[in-house]
Amino acid sequence: MFQIKQSQFLASRAVVFADDNKDEFDSDASPFGIEPTISMAELAESMTCIQPIIVPRMREDQMIGLDLAIVRKKPTVIS
């Protein structure tokens, strides 16, 4: 799951396209015609990735059940 700023949580896959610094007249330009208004670093800073994890509940070295925990992380930009 992920969240952008304070939006609702989104539980799906996401694809983020970076700017290719080309316009529609370049032969190898992106076919999507997208002109981003923020950088990838700004987008990553505004996002939070939410990872649910299962944590064993222990009592005196014996597992007595399972709990659900949430880990929040900022995404990493790879260029």
C-alpha atoms as a PDB file:
ATOM      1  CA  MET A   1       0.000   0.000   0.000  1.00  0.00           C
ATOM      2  CA  PHE A   2       1.082   3.569  -0.418  1.00  0.00           C
ATOM      3  CA  GLN A   3      -0.131   7.041   0.358  1.00  0.00           C
ATOM      4  CA  ILE A   4       0.629  10.359  -1.337  1.00  0.00           C
ATOM      5  CA  LYS A   5       0.632  13.262   1.112  1.00  0.00           C
ATOM      6  CA  GLN A   6      -2.542  12.870   3.200  1.00  0.00           C
ATOM      7  CA  SER A   7      -4.625  11.000   0.590  1.00  0.00           C
ATOM      8  CA  GLN A   8      -6.443   7.722   1.113  1.00  0.00           C
ATOM      9  CA  PHE A   9      -4.272   4.619   1.165  1.00  0.00           C
ATOM     10  CA  LEU A  10      -3.912   2.956  -2.235  1.00  0.00           C
ATOM     11  CA  ALA A  11      -3.493  -0.804  -2.284  1.00  0.00           C
ATOM     12  CA  SER A  12      -2.271  -1.462  -5.798  1.00  0.00           C
ATOM     13  CA  ARG A  13       0.726  -1.358  -8.051  1.00  0.00           C
ATOM     14  CA  ALA A  14       1.945   1.991  -9.277  1.00  0.00           C
ATOM     15  CA  VAL A  15       4.125   3.006 -12.187  1.00  0.00           C
ATOM     16  CA  VAL A  16       5.754   6.425 -12.107  1.00  0.00           C
ATOM     17  CA  PHE A  17       7.172   7.829 -15.339  1.00  0.00           C
ATOM     18  CA  ALA A  18      10.115  10.208 -15.252  1.00  0.00           C
ATOM     19  CA  ASP A  19      10.525  13.143 -17.616  1.00  0.00           C
ATOM     20  CA  ASP A  20      12.617  12.168 -20.650  1.00  0.00           C
ATOM     21  CA  ASN A  21      13.473  15.850 -21.409  1.00  0.00           C
ATOM     22  CA  LYS A  22      12.083  15.518 -24.929  1.00  0.00           C
ATOM     23  CA  ASP A  23       9.140  17.129 -26.645  1.00  0.00           C
ATOM     24  CA  GLU A  24       6.563  15.507 -28.914  1.00  0.00           C
ATOM     25  CA  PHE A  25       8.630  16.285 -32.024  1.00  0.00           C
ATOM     26  CA  ASP A  26      11.603  14.115 -30.972  1.00  0.00           C
ATOM     27  CA  SER A  27      11.491  10.725 -32.659  1.00  0.00           C
ATOM     28  CA  ASP A  28      12.426   8.877 -29.458  1.00  0.00           C
ATOM     29  CA  ALA A  29      10.167  10.902 -27.110  1.00  0.00           C
ATOM     30  CA  SER A  30       7.851   9.237 -24.624  1.00  0.00           C
ATOM     31  CA  PRO A  31       4.545   8.282 -26.280  1.00  0.00           C
ATOM     32  CA  PHE A  32       2.578   9.326 -23.192  1.00  0.00           C
ATOM     33  CA  GLY A  33       2.875  13.088 -23.659  1.00  0.00           C
ATOM     34  CA  ILE A  34       3.358  13.608 -19.933  1.00  0.00           C
ATOM     35  CA  GLU A  35       4.928  16.781 -18.628  1.00  0.00           C
ATOM     36  CA  PRO A  36       5.690  16.308 -14.928  1.00  0.00           C
ATOM     37  CA  THR A  37       5.363  19.313 -12.651  1.00  0.00           C
ATOM     38  CA  ILE A  38       7.506  17.879  -9.822  1.00  0.00           C
ATOM     39  CA  SER A  39      10.739  15.916  -9.731  1.00  0.00           C
ATOM     40  CA  MET A  40      10.992  12.234  -8.808  1.00  0.00           C
ATOM     41  CA  ALA A  41      12.690  13.248  -5.536  1.00  0.00           C
ATOM     42  CA  GLU A  42       9.771  15.553  -4.656  1.00  0.00           C
ATOM     43  CA  LEU A  43       7.284  12.782  -5.437  1.00  0.00           C
ATOM     44  CA  ALA A  44       9.228  10.288  -3.309  1.00  0.00           C
ATOM     45  CA  GLU A  45       9.314  12.763  -0.430  1.00  0.00           C
ATOM     46  CA  SER A  46       5.521  13.162  -0.562  1.00  0.00           C
ATOM     47  CA  MET A  47       4.888   9.378  -0.607  1.00  0.00           C
ATOM     48  CA  THR A  48       4.761   6.873   2.216  1.00  0.00           C
ATOM     49  CA  CYS A  49       4.867   3.133   1.562  1.00  0.00           C
ATOM     50  CA  ILE A  50       2.940   1.014   4.062  1.00  0.00           C
ATOM     51  CA  GLN A  51       3.973  -2.589   4.572  1.00  0.00           C
ATOM     52  CA  PRO A  52       1.849  -4.872   6.751  1.00  0.00           C
ATOM     53  CA  ILE A  53       3.853  -7.495   8.627  1.00  0.00           C
ATOM     54  CA  ILE A  54       2.851 -10.463  10.794  1.00  0.00           C
ATOM     55  CA  VAL A  55       4.413 -10.467  14.264  1.00  0.00           C
ATOM     56  CA  PRO A  56       4.259 -13.558  16.462  1.00  0.00           C
ATOM     57  CA  ARG A  57       2.747 -12.974  19.932  1.00  0.00           C
ATOM     58  CA  MET A  58       4.943 -14.719  22.470  1.00  0.00           C
ATOM     59  CA  ARG A  59       4.501 -15.733  26.087  1.00  0.00           C
ATOM     60  CA  GLU A  60       7.279 -17.541  27.941  1.00  0.00           C
ATOM     61  CA  ASP A  61       9.034 -18.616  24.720  1.00  0.00           C
ATOM     62  CA  GLN A  62       5.853 -19.986  23.153  1.00  0.00           C
ATOM     63  CA  MET A  63       3.871 -18.470  20.344  1.00  0.00           C
ATOM     64  CA  ILE A  64       0.285 -17.851  21.441  1.00  0.00           C
ATOM     65  CA  GLY A  65      -0.959 -15.981  18.382  1.00  0.00           C
ATOM     66  CA  LEU A  66      -0.212 -13.526  15.619  1.00  0.00           C
ATOM     67  CA  ASP A  67      -0.503  -9.748  15.487  1.00  0.00           C
ATOM     68  CA  LEU A  68      -0.527  -7.403  12.515  1.00  0.00           C
ATOM     69  CA  ALA A  69       1.893  -4.483  12.526  1.00  0.00           C
ATOM     70  CA  ILE A  70       2.400  -1.682  10.013  1.00  0.00           C
ATOM     71  CA  VAL A  71       5.802  -0.418   8.852  1.00  0.00           C
ATOM     72  CA  ARG A  72       5.933   2.981   7.112  1.00  0.00           C
ATOM     73  CA  LYS A  73       8.839   3.792   4.763  1.00  0.00           C
ATOM     74  CA  LYS A  74       9.794   6.511   2.320  1.00  0.00           C
ATOM     75  CA  PRO A  75      10.536   5.223  -1.207  1.00  0.00           C
ATOM     76  CA  THR A  76      14.015   5.445  -2.679  1.00  0.00           C
ATOM     77  CA  VAL A  77      14.676   7.118  -6.035  1.00  0.00           C
ATOM     78  CA  ILE A  78      16.956   5.045  -8.248  1.00  0.00           C
ATOM     79  CA  SER A  79      18.400   6.818 -11.246  1.00  0.00           C
END
